[in-house]
Amino acid sequence: QVQLVESGGGLVQAGGSLRLSCAASGISFSIAAMAWYRQAPGKMRELVARITTVYRTNYADSVKGRFTISRDNAKNTVYLQMNSLKPEDTAVYYCNAVSFADGGMDYWGKGTLVTVSS
């Protein structure tokens, strides 16, 4: 059974930092593309950052230069370091895995809430 468990969310003031973690189990992590998405109240879920199996990364324009995605295959964990947070970053952040061992199956965590106060 595949599980993606996010942690590290919380309340932070504008300009502050948070580090999100997503621990994966039940998948071949090293051959899974990992990503962070977010969904703000009343808005659609959007891609924040993605990291491929060969550590190639891409980011939403709104977070470039402030957020960094990384992965540790030894720990089956993907991270999202978020700096210079803004109130508009407030959202539920979801971990996503695309498992190539499972023919490209898509998996999601339950999300962690990030609230940035002004």
PDB file of N, CA and C in Angstrom:
ATOM      1  N   GLN A   1       0.842  -1.192   0.000  1.00  0.00           N
ATOM      2  CA  GLN A   1       0.000   0.000   0.000  1.00  0.00           C
ATOM      3  C   GLN A   1       0.884   1.251   0.000  1.00  0.00           C
ATOM      4  N   VAL A   2       0.614   2.128  -0.932  1.00  0.00           N
ATOM      5  CA  VAL A   2       1.414   3.341  -1.044  1.00  0.00           C
ATOM      6  C   VAL A   2       0.916   4.382  -0.044  1.00  0.00           C
ATOM      7  N   GLN A   3       1.864   4.971   0.666  1.00  0.00           N
ATOM      8  CA  GLN A   3       1.519   6.066   1.579  1.00  0.00           C
ATOM      9  C   GLN A   3       2.485   7.220   1.368  1.00  0.00           C
ATOM     10  N   LEU A   4       1.929   8.414   1.304  1.00  0.00           N
ATOM     11  CA  LEU A   4       2.714   9.646   1.277  1.00  0.00           C
ATOM     12  C   LEU A   4       2.253  10.464   2.466  1.00  0.00           C
ATOM     13  N   VAL A   5       3.162  10.757   3.381  1.00  0.00           N
ATOM     14  CA  VAL A   5       2.793  11.443   4.609  1.00  0.00           C
ATOM     15  C   VAL A   5       3.556  12.752   4.695  1.00  0.00           C
ATOM     16  N   GLU A   6       2.802  13.849   4.608  1.00  0.00           N
ATOM     17  CA  GLU A   6       3.413  15.179   4.685  1.00  0.00           C
ATOM     18  C   GLU A   6       3.520  15.643   6.139  1.00  0.00           C
ATOM     19  N   SER A   7       4.515  16.471   6.388  1.00  0.00           N
ATOM     20  CA  SER A   7       4.677  17.088   7.698  1.00  0.00           C
ATOM     21  C   SER A   7       5.408  18.413   7.518  1.00  0.00           C
ATOM     22  N   GLY A   8       5.366  19.235   8.579  1.00  0.00           N
ATOM     23  CA  GLY A   8       6.120  20.481   8.565  1.00  0.00           C
ATOM     24  C   GLY A   8       5.288  21.732   8.337  1.00  0.00           C
ATOM     25  N   GLY A   9       4.002  21.572   8.074  1.00  0.00           N
ATOM     26  CA  GLY A   9       3.163  22.743   7.904  1.00  0.00           C
ATOM     27  C   GLY A   9       2.933  23.460   9.221  1.00  0.00           C
ATOM     28  N   GLY A  10       2.332  24.645   9.128  1.00  0.00           N
ATOM     29  CA  GLY A  10       2.041  25.399  10.338  1.00  0.00           C
ATOM     30  C   GLY A  10       1.789  26.854  10.031  1.00  0.00           C
ATOM     31  N   LEU A  11       1.812  27.656  11.081  1.00  0.00           N
ATOM     32  CA  LEU A  11       1.581  29.093  10.983  1.00  0.00           C
ATOM     33  C   LEU A  11       2.911  29.821  11.058  1.00  0.00           C
ATOM     34  N   VAL A  12       3.135  30.728  10.112  1.00  0.00           N
ATOM     35  CA  VAL A  12       4.375  31.482  10.080  1.00  0.00           C
ATOM     36  C   VAL A  12       4.071  32.901   9.632  1.00  0.00           C
ATOM     37  N   GLN A  13       4.874  33.844  10.085  1.00  0.00           N
ATOM     38  CA  GLN A  13       4.701  35.231   9.655  1.00  0.00           C
ATOM     39  C   GLN A  13       5.292  35.444   8.275  1.00  0.00           C
ATOM     40  N   ALA A  14       4.778  36.425   7.571  1.00  0.00           N
ATOM     41  CA  ALA A  14       5.323  36.772   6.267  1.00  0.00           C
ATOM     42  C   ALA A  14       6.820  37.044   6.382  1.00  0.00           C
ATOM     43  N   GLY A  15       7.562  36.527   5.412  1.00  0.00           N
ATOM     44  CA  GLY A  15       9.013  36.645   5.441  1.00  0.00           C
ATOM     45  C   GLY A  15       9.715  35.474   6.102  1.00  0.00           C
ATOM     46  N   GLY A  16       8.947  34.646   6.756  1.00  0.00           N
ATOM     47  CA  GLY A  16       9.519  33.491   7.452  1.00  0.00           C
ATOM     48  C   GLY A  16       9.744  32.299   6.543  1.00  0.00           C
ATOM     49  N   SER A  17      10.155  31.200   7.165  1.00  0.00           N
ATOM     50  CA  SER A  17      10.496  29.983   6.424  1.00  0.00           C
ATOM     51  C   SER A  17       9.833  28.776   7.052  1.00  0.00           C
ATOM     52  N   LEU A  18       9.575  27.796   6.211  1.00  0.00           N
ATOM     53  CA  LEU A  18       9.110  26.480   6.652  1.00  0.00           C
ATOM     54  C   LEU A  18       9.756  25.431   5.764  1.00  0.00           C
ATOM     55  N   ARG A  19       9.897  24.235   6.308  1.00  0.00           N
ATOM     56  CA  ARG A  19      10.390  23.110   5.518  1.00  0.00           C
ATOM     57  C   ARG A  19       9.374  21.990   5.598  1.00  0.00           C
ATOM     58  N   LEU A  20       8.816  21.632   4.464  1.00  0.00           N
ATOM     59  CA  LEU A  20       7.880  20.524   4.398  1.00  0.00           C
ATOM     60  C   LEU A  20       8.634  19.248   4.058  1.00  0.00           C
ATOM     61  N   SER A  21       8.145  18.148   4.608  1.00  0.00           N
ATOM     62  CA  SER A  21       8.696  16.826   4.303  1.00  0.00           C
ATOM     63  C   SER A  21       7.567  15.915   3.858  1.00  0.00           C
ATOM     64  N   CYS A  22       7.903  14.983   3.003  1.00  0.00           N
ATOM     65  CA  CYS A  22       6.944  13.958   2.569  1.00  0.00           C
ATOM     66  C   CYS A  22       7.663  12.622   2.591  1.00  0.00           C
ATOM     67  N   ALA A  23       7.239  11.764   3.500  1.00  0.00           N
ATOM     68  CA  ALA A  23       7.822  10.432   3.618  1.00  0.00           C
ATOM     69  C   ALA A  23       6.975   9.451   2.824  1.00  0.00           C
ATOM     70  N   ALA A  24       7.628   8.721   1.931  1.00  0.00           N
ATOM     71  CA  ALA A  24       6.931   7.787   1.058  1.00  0.00           C
ATOM     72  C   ALA A  24       7.213   6.352   1.472  1.00  0.00           C
ATOM     73  N   SER A  25       6.206   5.522   1.340  1.00  0.00           N
ATOM     74  CA  SER A  25       6.378   4.091   1.578  1.00  0.00           C
ATOM     75  C   SER A  25       5.503   3.336   0.589  1.00  0.00           C
ATOM     76  N   GLY A  26       5.927   2.106   0.309  1.00  0.00           N
ATOM     77  CA  GLY A  26       5.130   1.272  -0.593  1.00  0.00           C
ATOM     78  C   GLY A  26       5.385   1.515  -2.067  1.00  0.00           C
ATOM     79  N   ILE A  27       6.350   2.382  -2.385  1.00  0.00           N
ATOM     80  CA  ILE A  27       6.694   2.629  -3.786  1.00  0.00           C
ATOM     81  C   ILE A  27       8.199   2.520  -3.958  1.00  0.00           C
ATOM     82  N   SER A  28       8.619   2.333  -5.221  1.00  0.00           N
ATOM     83  CA  SER A  28      10.047   2.370  -5.537  1.00  0.00           C
ATOM     84  C   SER A  28      10.427   3.837  -5.683  1.00  0.00           C
ATOM     85  N   PHE A  29      10.820   4.423  -4.572  1.00  0.00           N
ATOM     86  CA  PHE A  29      10.970   5.882  -4.500  1.00  0.00           C
ATOM     87  C   PHE A  29      11.972   6.424  -5.516  1.00  0.00           C
ATOM     88  N   SER A  30      13.070   5.715  -5.711  1.00  0.00           N
ATOM     89  CA  SER A  30      14.131   6.246  -6.574  1.00  0.00           C
ATOM     90  C   SER A  30      13.706   6.357  -8.026  1.00  0.00           C
ATOM     91  N   ILE A  31      12.664   5.642  -8.425  1.00  0.00           N
ATOM     92  CA  ILE A  31      12.175   5.748  -9.797  1.00  0.00           C
ATOM     93  C   ILE A  31      10.771   6.334  -9.815  1.00  0.00           C
ATOM     94  N   ALA A  32      10.535   7.261  -8.897  1.00  0.00           N
ATOM     95  CA  ALA A  32       9.282   8.011  -8.871  1.00  0.00           C
ATOM     96  C   ALA A  32       9.602   9.492  -8.994  1.00  0.00           C
ATOM     97  N   ALA A  33       8.890  10.166  -9.875  1.00  0.00           N
ATOM     98  CA  ALA A  33       8.971  11.616  -9.921  1.00  0.00           C
ATOM     99  C   ALA A  33       8.128  12.166  -8.774  1.00  0.00           C
ATOM    100  N   MET A  34       8.676  13.120  -8.050  1.00  0.00           N
ATOM    101  CA  MET A  34       7.998  13.650  -6.870  1.00  0.00           C
ATOM    102  C   MET A  34       7.674  15.121  -7.087  1.00  0.00           C
ATOM    103  N   ALA A  35       6.593  15.557  -6.479  1.00  0.00           N
ATOM    104  CA  ALA A  35       6.174  16.943  -6.651  1.00  0.00           C
ATOM    105  C   ALA A  35       5.406  17.422  -5.433  1.00  0.00           C
ATOM    106  N   TRP A  36       5.368  18.725  -5.318  1.00  0.00           N
ATOM    107  CA  TRP A  36       4.507  19.402  -4.336  1.00  0.00           C
ATOM    108  C   TRP A  36       3.478  20.233  -5.106  1.00  0.00           C
ATOM    109  N   TYR A  37       2.235  20.087  -4.697  1.00  0.00           N
ATOM    110  CA  TYR A  37       1.144  20.908  -5.202  1.00  0.00           C
ATOM    111  C   TYR A  37       0.554  21.673  -4.016  1.00  0.00           C
ATOM    112  N   ARG A  38      -0.239  22.671  -4.324  1.00  0.00           N
ATOM    113  CA  ARG A  38      -0.948  23.374  -3.249  1.00  0.00           C
ATOM    114  C   ARG A  38      -2.329  23.795  -3.738  1.00  0.00           C
ATOM    115  N   GLN A  39      -3.206  23.941  -2.769  1.00  0.00           N
ATOM    116  CA  GLN A  39      -4.560  24.390  -3.071  1.00  0.00           C
ATOM    117  C   GLN A  39      -5.001  25.388  -2.017  1.00  0.00           C
ATOM    118  N   ALA A  40      -5.221  26.605  -2.461  1.00  0.00           N
ATOM    119  CA  ALA A  40      -5.704  27.662  -1.575  1.00  0.00           C
ATOM    120  C   ALA A  40      -7.233  27.633  -1.563  1.00  0.00           C
ATOM    121  N   PRO A  41      -7.855  28.182  -0.530  1.00  0.00           N
ATOM    122  CA  PRO A  41      -9.317  28.192  -0.459  1.00  0.00           C
ATOM    123  C   PRO A  41      -9.939  28.840  -1.693  1.00  0.00           C
ATOM    124  N   GLY A  42     -10.873  28.139  -2.306  1.00  0.00           N
ATOM    125  CA  GLY A  42     -11.565  28.676  -3.468  1.00  0.00           C
ATOM    126  C   GLY A  42     -10.788  28.633  -4.762  1.00  0.00           C
ATOM    127  N   LYS A  43      -9.615  28.011  -4.732  1.00  0.00           N
ATOM    128  CA  LYS A  43      -8.786  27.955  -5.944  1.00  0.00           C
ATOM    129  C   LYS A  43      -8.503  26.512  -6.335  1.00  0.00           C
ATOM    130  N   MET A  44      -8.051  26.340  -7.568  1.00  0.00           N
ATOM    131  CA  MET A  44      -7.704  25.011  -8.044  1.00  0.00           C
ATOM    132  C   MET A  44      -6.328  24.608  -7.532  1.00  0.00           C
ATOM    133  N   ARG A  45      -6.130  23.296  -7.452  1.00  0.00           N
ATOM    134  CA  ARG A  45      -4.821  22.784  -7.052  1.00  0.00           C
ATOM    135  C   ARG A  45      -3.806  23.144  -8.142  1.00  0.00           C
ATOM    136  N   GLU A  46      -2.623  23.581  -7.714  1.00  0.00           N
ATOM    137  CA  GLU A  46      -1.598  23.997  -8.672  1.00  0.00           C
ATOM    138  C   GLU A  46      -0.257  23.367  -8.319  1.00  0.00           C
ATOM    139  N   LEU A  47       0.539  23.145  -9.349  1.00  0.00           N
ATOM    140  CA  LEU A  47       1.882  22.614  -9.149  1.00  0.00           C
ATOM    141  C   LEU A  47       2.772  23.691  -8.543  1.00  0.00           C
ATOM    142  N   VAL A  48       3.501  23.321  -7.507  1.00  0.00           N
ATOM    143  CA  VAL A  48       4.468  24.228  -6.886  1.00  0.00           C
ATOM    144  C   VAL A  48       5.876  23.914  -7.369  1.00  0.00           C
ATOM    145  N   ALA A  49       6.260  22.647  -7.271  1.00  0.00           N
ATOM    146  CA  ALA A  49       7.613  22.242  -7.653  1.00  0.00           C
ATOM    147  C   ALA A  49       7.632  20.750  -7.938  1.00  0.00           C
ATOM    148  N   ARG A  50       8.523  20.349  -8.834  1.00  0.00           N
ATOM    149  CA  ARG A  50       8.665  18.944  -9.204  1.00  0.00           C
ATOM    150  C   ARG A  50      10.141  18.601  -9.266  1.00  0.00           C
ATOM    151  N   ILE A  51      10.460  17.362  -8.887  1.00  0.00           N
ATOM    152  CA  ILE A  51      11.828  16.865  -9.025  1.00  0.00           C
ATOM    153  C   ILE A  51      11.764  15.481  -9.658  1.00  0.00           C
ATOM    154  N   THR A  52      12.546  15.288 -10.697  1.00  0.00           N
ATOM    155  CA  THR A  52      12.503  14.022 -11.426  1.00  0.00           C
ATOM    156  C   THR A  52      13.429  12.985 -10.784  1.00  0.00           C
ATOM    157  N   THR A  53      13.454  11.807 -11.397  1.00  0.00           N
ATOM    158  CA  THR A  53      14.319  10.740 -10.886  1.00  0.00           C
ATOM    159  C   THR A  53      15.789  11.064 -11.069  1.00  0.00           C
ATOM    160  N   VAL A  54      16.098  12.007 -11.972  1.00  0.00           N
ATOM    161  CA  VAL A  54      17.493  12.404 -12.183  1.00  0.00           C
ATOM    162  C   VAL A  54      17.746  13.806 -11.621  1.00  0.00           C
ATOM    163  N   TYR A  55      16.901  14.189 -10.666  1.00  0.00           N
ATOM    164  CA  TYR A  55      17.084  15.412  -9.876  1.00  0.00           C
ATOM    165  C   TYR A  55      16.893  16.696 -10.678  1.00  0.00           C
ATOM    166  N   ARG A  56      16.214  16.587 -11.819  1.00  0.00           N
ATOM    167  CA  ARG A  56      15.868  17.792 -12.552  1.00  0.00           C
ATOM    168  C   ARG A  56      14.672  18.435 -11.852  1.00  0.00           C
ATOM    169  N   THR A  57      14.692  19.739 -11.696  1.00  0.00           N
ATOM    170  CA  THR A  57      13.627  20.429 -10.971  1.00  0.00           C
ATOM    171  C   THR A  57      12.946  21.481 -11.837  1.00  0.00           C
ATOM    172  N   ASN A  58      11.705  21.740 -11.536  1.00  0.00           N
ATOM    173  CA  ASN A  58      11.024  22.888 -12.111  1.00  0.00           C
ATOM    174  C   ASN A  58      10.049  23.455 -11.074  1.00  0.00           C
ATOM    175  N   TYR A  59       9.786  24.748 -11.210  1.00  0.00           N
ATOM    176  CA  TYR A  59       9.019  25.483 -10.206  1.00  0.00           C
ATOM    177  C   TYR A  59       7.943  26.356 -10.865  1.00  0.00           C
ATOM    178  N   ALA A  60       6.896  26.588 -10.112  1.00  0.00           N
ATOM    179  CA  ALA A  60       5.923  27.600 -10.515  1.00  0.00           C
ATOM    180  C   ALA A  60       6.606  28.960 -10.481  1.00  0.00           C
ATOM    181  N   ASP A  61       6.225  29.827 -11.399  1.00  0.00           N
ATOM    182  CA  ASP A  61       6.848  31.144 -11.453  1.00  0.00           C
ATOM    183  C   ASP A  61       6.700  31.896 -10.131  1.00  0.00           C
ATOM    184  N   SER A  62       5.595  31.664  -9.449  1.00  0.00           N
ATOM    185  CA  SER A  62       5.303  32.405  -8.223  1.00  0.00           C
ATOM    186  C   SER A  62       6.225  32.039  -7.056  1.00  0.00           C
ATOM    187  N   VAL A  63       6.940  30.916  -7.170  1.00  0.00           N
ATOM    188  CA  VAL A  63       7.800  30.496  -6.056  1.00  0.00           C
ATOM    189  C   VAL A  63       9.275  30.430  -6.439  1.00  0.00           C
ATOM    190  N   LYS A  64       9.590  30.685  -7.698  1.00  0.00           N
ATOM    191  CA  LYS A  64      10.989  30.625  -8.137  1.00  0.00           C
ATOM    192  C   LYS A  64      11.848  31.582  -7.319  1.00  0.00           C
ATOM    193  N   GLY A  65      12.994  31.069  -6.883  1.00  0.00           N
ATOM    194  CA  GLY A  65      13.905  31.886  -6.093  1.00  0.00           C
ATOM    195  C   GLY A  65      13.599  31.891  -4.606  1.00  0.00           C
ATOM    196  N   ARG A  66      12.439  31.362  -4.218  1.00  0.00           N
ATOM    197  CA  ARG A  66      12.060  31.329  -2.801  1.00  0.00           C
ATOM    198  C   ARG A  66      11.935  29.905  -2.272  1.00  0.00           C
ATOM    199  N   PHE A  67      11.481  28.982  -3.112  1.00  0.00           N
ATOM    200  CA  PHE A  67      11.264  27.600  -2.697  1.00  0.00           C
ATOM    201  C   PHE A  67      12.308  26.701  -3.359  1.00  0.00           C
ATOM    202  N   THR A  68      12.674  25.633  -2.648  1.00  0.00           N
ATOM    203  CA  THR A  68      13.607  24.650  -3.178  1.00  0.00           C
ATOM    204  C   THR A  68      13.088  23.251  -2.878  1.00  0.00           C
ATOM    205  N   ILE A  69      12.964  22.444  -3.924  1.00  0.00           N
ATOM    206  CA  ILE A  69      12.566  21.054  -3.749  1.00  0.00           C
ATOM    207  C   ILE A  69      13.815  20.183  -3.786  1.00  0.00           C
ATOM    208  N   SER A  70      13.828  19.161  -2.946  1.00  0.00           N
ATOM    209  CA  SER A  70      14.951  18.226  -2.925  1.00  0.00           C
ATOM    210  C   SER A  70      14.431  16.854  -2.539  1.00  0.00           C
ATOM    211  N   ARG A  71      15.263  15.841  -2.759  1.00  0.00           N
ATOM    212  CA  ARG A  71      14.858  14.489  -2.417  1.00  0.00           C
ATOM    213  C   ARG A  71      16.040  13.742  -1.830  1.00  0.00           C
ATOM    214  N   ASP A  72      15.716  12.811  -0.939  1.00  0.00           N
ATOM    215  CA  ASP A  72      16.716  11.932  -0.346  1.00  0.00           C
ATOM    216  C   ASP A  72      16.236  10.508  -0.591  1.00  0.00           C
ATOM    217  N   ASN A  73      16.804   9.857  -1.591  1.00  0.00           N
ATOM    218  CA  ASN A  73      16.346   8.513  -1.946  1.00  0.00           C
ATOM    219  C   ASN A  73      16.649   7.488  -0.852  1.00  0.00           C
ATOM    220  N   ALA A  74      17.678   7.747  -0.060  1.00  0.00           N
ATOM    221  CA  ALA A  74      18.008   6.825   1.031  1.00  0.00           C
ATOM    222  C   ALA A  74      16.938   6.844   2.123  1.00  0.00           C
ATOM    223  N   LYS A  75      16.251   7.986   2.240  1.00  0.00           N
ATOM    224  CA  LYS A  75      15.220   8.136   3.267  1.00  0.00           C
ATOM    225  C   LYS A  75      13.807   8.095   2.683  1.00  0.00           C
ATOM    226  N   ASN A  76      13.695   7.889   1.371  1.00  0.00           N
ATOM    227  CA  ASN A  76      12.384   7.885   0.707  1.00  0.00           C
ATOM    228  C   ASN A  76      11.591   9.145   1.043  1.00  0.00           C
ATOM    229  N   THR A  77      12.265  10.287   1.009  1.00  0.00           N
ATOM    230  CA  THR A  77      11.645  11.529   1.450  1.00  0.00           C
ATOM    231  C   THR A  77      11.928  12.653   0.455  1.00  0.00           C
ATOM    232  N   VAL A  78      10.924  13.459   0.229  1.00  0.00           N
ATOM    233  CA  VAL A  78      11.076  14.665  -0.582  1.00  0.00           C
ATOM    234  C   VAL A  78      10.783  15.860   0.318  1.00  0.00           C
ATOM    235  N   TYR A  79      11.499  16.947   0.072  1.00  0.00           N
ATOM    236  CA  TYR A  79      11.395  18.134   0.909  1.00  0.00           C
ATOM    237  C   TYR A  79      10.999  19.346   0.069  1.00  0.00           C
ATOM    238  N   LEU A  80      10.422  20.315   0.736  1.00  0.00           N
ATOM    239  CA  LEU A  80      10.179  21.611   0.118  1.00  0.00           C
ATOM    240  C   LEU A  80      10.598  22.681   1.124  1.00  0.00           C
ATOM    241  N   GLN A  81      11.721  23.318   0.834  1.00  0.00           N
ATOM    242  CA  GLN A  81      12.177  24.424   1.662  1.00  0.00           C
ATOM    243  C   GLN A  81      11.538  25.698   1.147  1.00  0.00           C
ATOM    244  N   MET A  82      10.803  26.371   2.019  1.00  0.00           N
ATOM    245  CA  MET A  82      10.060  27.568   1.625  1.00  0.00           C
ATOM    246  C   MET A  82      10.594  28.763   2.412  1.00  0.00           C
ATOM    247  N   ASN A  83      11.166  29.706   1.694  1.00  0.00           N
ATOM    248  CA  ASN A  83      11.711  30.917   2.302  1.00  0.00           C
ATOM    249  C   ASN A  83      10.932  32.137   1.819  1.00  0.00           C
ATOM    250  N   SER A  84      11.110  33.229   2.530  1.00  0.00           N
ATOM    251  CA  SER A  84      10.457  34.496   2.167  1.00  0.00           C
ATOM    252  C   SER A  84       8.964  34.287   1.900  1.00  0.00           C
ATOM    253  N   LEU A  85       8.323  33.608   2.806  1.00  0.00           N
ATOM    254  CA  LEU A  85       6.913  33.269   2.613  1.00  0.00           C
ATOM    255  C   LEU A  85       6.025  34.509   2.577  1.00  0.00           C
ATOM    256  N   LYS A  86       4.994  34.421   1.768  1.00  0.00           N
ATOM    257  CA  LYS A  86       4.041  35.508   1.585  1.00  0.00           C
ATOM    258  C   LYS A  86       2.647  35.019   1.965  1.00  0.00           C
ATOM    259  N   PRO A  87       1.755  35.924   2.331  1.00  0.00           N
ATOM    260  CA  PRO A  87       0.384  35.495   2.654  1.00  0.00           C
ATOM    261  C   PRO A  87      -0.264  34.709   1.526  1.00  0.00           C
ATOM    262  N   GLU A  88       0.075  35.025   0.292  1.00  0.00           N
ATOM    263  CA  GLU A  88      -0.512  34.301  -0.848  1.00  0.00           C
ATOM    264  C   GLU A  88       0.022  32.880  -0.983  1.00  0.00           C
ATOM    265  N   ASP A  89       0.995  32.499  -0.186  1.00  0.00           N
ATOM    266  CA  ASP A  89       1.459  31.106  -0.157  1.00  0.00           C
ATOM    267  C   ASP A  89       0.580  30.237   0.745  1.00  0.00           C
ATOM    268  N   THR A  90      -0.344  30.856   1.446  1.00  0.00           N
ATOM    269  CA  THR A  90      -1.248  30.106   2.321  1.00  0.00           C
ATOM    270  C   THR A  90      -2.073  29.114   1.516  1.00  0.00           C
ATOM    271  N   ALA A  91      -1.990  27.851   1.908  1.00  0.00           N
ATOM    272  CA  ALA A  91      -2.678  26.781   1.175  1.00  0.00           C
ATOM    273  C   ALA A  91      -2.446  25.456   1.892  1.00  0.00           C
ATOM    274  N   VAL A  92      -3.182  24.453   1.448  1.00  0.00           N
ATOM    275  CA  VAL A  92      -2.858  23.076   1.816  1.00  0.00           C
ATOM    276  C   VAL A  92      -1.861  22.573   0.783  1.00  0.00           C
ATOM    277  N   TYR A  93      -0.747  22.053   1.255  1.00  0.00           N
ATOM    278  CA  TYR A  93       0.316  21.556   0.380  1.00  0.00           C
ATOM    279  C   TYR A  93       0.252  20.034   0.335  1.00  0.00           C
ATOM    280  N   TYR A  94       0.236  19.518  -0.891  1.00  0.00           N
ATOM    281  CA  TYR A  94       0.097  18.075  -1.114  1.00  0.00           C
ATOM    282  C   TYR A  94       1.357  17.512  -1.761  1.00  0.00           C
ATOM    283  N   CYS A  95       1.740  16.344  -1.308  1.00  0.00           N
ATOM    284  CA  CYS A  95       2.836  15.606  -1.917  1.00  0.00           C
ATOM    285  C   CYS A  95       2.259  14.688  -3.002  1.00  0.00           C
ATOM    286  N   ASN A  96       2.977  14.604  -4.110  1.00  0.00           N
ATOM    287  CA  ASN A  96       2.533  13.777  -5.236  1.00  0.00           C
ATOM    288  C   ASN A  96       3.682  12.912  -5.717  1.00  0.00           C
ATOM    289  N   ALA A  97       3.363  11.683  -6.061  1.00  0.00           N
ATOM    290  CA  ALA A  97       4.360  10.777  -6.633  1.00  0.00           C
ATOM    291  C   ALA A  97       3.811  10.163  -7.908  1.00  0.00           C
ATOM    292  N   VAL A  98       4.627  10.158  -8.931  1.00  0.00           N
ATOM    293  CA  VAL A  98       4.319   9.423 -10.158  1.00  0.00           C
ATOM    294  C   VAL A  98       5.296   8.261 -10.225  1.00  0.00           C
ATOM    295  N   SER A  99       4.745   7.072 -10.044  1.00  0.00           N
ATOM    296  CA  SER A  99       5.579   5.888  -9.886  1.00  0.00           C
ATOM    297  C   SER A  99       5.758   5.178 -11.219  1.00  0.00           C
ATOM    298  N   PHE A 100       6.957   5.201 -11.749  1.00  0.00           N
ATOM    299  CA  PHE A 100       7.214   4.551 -13.027  1.00  0.00           C
ATOM    300  C   PHE A 100       7.271   3.033 -12.879  1.00  0.00           C
ATOM    301  N   ALA A 101       7.484   2.566 -11.653  1.00  0.00           N
ATOM    302  CA  ALA A 101       7.437   1.126 -11.402  1.00  0.00           C
ATOM    303  C   ALA A 101       6.010   0.600 -11.521  1.00  0.00           C
ATOM    304  N   ASP A 102       5.036   1.494 -11.379  1.00  0.00           N
ATOM    305  CA  ASP A 102       3.622   1.136 -11.455  1.00  0.00           C
ATOM    306  C   ASP A 102       2.978   1.681 -12.725  1.00  0.00           C
ATOM    307  N   GLY A 103       3.790   1.836 -13.781  1.00  0.00           N
ATOM    308  CA  GLY A 103       3.243   2.300 -15.041  1.00  0.00           C
ATOM    309  C   GLY A 103       2.770   3.736 -15.030  1.00  0.00           C
ATOM    310  N   GLY A 104       3.382   4.564 -14.201  1.00  0.00           N
ATOM    311  CA  GLY A 104       3.002   5.964 -14.160  1.00  0.00           C
ATOM    312  C   GLY A 104       1.828   6.263 -13.256  1.00  0.00           C
ATOM    313  N   MET A 105       1.553   5.375 -12.317  1.00  0.00           N
ATOM    314  CA  MET A 105       0.441   5.609 -11.392  1.00  0.00           C
ATOM    315  C   MET A 105       0.719   6.851 -10.546  1.00  0.00           C
ATOM    316  N   ASP A 106      -0.365   7.571 -10.276  1.00  0.00           N
ATOM    317  CA  ASP A 106      -0.317   8.836  -9.537  1.00  0.00           C
ATOM    318  C   ASP A 106      -0.751   8.607  -8.091  1.00  0.00           C
ATOM    319  N   TYR A 107       0.035   9.089  -7.133  1.00  0.00           N
ATOM    320  CA  TYR A 107      -0.327   8.946  -5.733  1.00  0.00           C
ATOM    321  C   TYR A 107      -0.286  10.306  -5.044  1.00  0.00           C
ATOM    322  N   TRP A 108      -1.148  10.449  -4.032  1.00  0.00           N
ATOM    323  CA  TRP A 108      -1.253  11.726  -3.325  1.00  0.00           C
ATOM    324  C   TRP A 108      -1.226  11.520  -1.816  1.00  0.00           C
ATOM    325  N   GLY A 109      -0.615  12.494  -1.127  1.00  0.00           N
ATOM    326  CA  GLY A 109      -0.730  12.538   0.321  1.00  0.00           C
ATOM    327  C   GLY A 109      -2.006  13.265   0.711  1.00  0.00           C
ATOM    328  N   LYS A 110      -2.245  13.356   2.015  1.00  0.00           N
ATOM    329  CA  LYS A 110      -3.460  13.997   2.506  1.00  0.00           C
ATOM    330  C   LYS A 110      -3.316  15.503   2.681  1.00  0.00           C
ATOM    331  N   GLY A 111      -2.093  15.975   2.632  1.00  0.00           N
ATOM    332  CA  GLY A 111      -1.862  17.419   2.687  1.00  0.00           C
ATOM    333  C   GLY A 111      -1.470  17.926   4.053  1.00  0.00           C
ATOM    334  N   THR A 112      -0.783  19.068   4.038  1.00  0.00           N
ATOM    335  CA  THR A 112      -0.416  19.759   5.276  1.00  0.00           C
ATOM    336  C   THR A 112      -0.688  21.251   5.066  1.00  0.00           C
ATOM    337  N   LEU A 113      -1.280  21.873   6.058  1.00  0.00           N
ATOM    338  CA  LEU A 113      -1.706  23.267   5.934  1.00  0.00           C
ATOM    339  C   LEU A 113      -0.565  24.216   6.269  1.00  0.00           C
ATOM    340  N   VAL A 114      -0.351  25.159   5.370  1.00  0.00           N
ATOM    341  CA  VAL A 114       0.598  26.243   5.595  1.00  0.00           C
ATOM    342  C   VAL A 114      -0.178  27.556   5.630  1.00  0.00           C
ATOM    343  N   THR A 115      -0.044  28.282   6.719  1.00  0.00           N
ATOM    344  CA  THR A 115      -0.720  29.566   6.862  1.00  0.00           C
ATOM    345  C   THR A 115       0.327  30.653   7.091  1.00  0.00           C
ATOM    346  N   VAL A 116       0.314  31.662   6.229  1.00  0.00           N
ATOM    347  CA  VAL A 116       1.272  32.755   6.330  1.00  0.00           C
ATOM    348  C   VAL A 116       0.510  34.019   6.709  1.00  0.00           C
ATOM    349  N   SER A 117       0.828  34.557   7.867  1.00  0.00           N
ATOM    350  CA  SER A 117       0.138  35.762   8.340  1.00  0.00           C
ATOM    351  C   SER A 117       0.890  37.009   7.911  1.00  0.00           C
ATOM    352  N   SER A 118       0.131  38.061   7.689  1.00  0.00           N
ATOM    353  CA  SER A 118       0.746  39.318   7.217  1.00  0.00           C
ATOM    354  C   SER A 118       1.143  40.206   8.381  1.00  0.00           C
TER     355      SER A 118
END
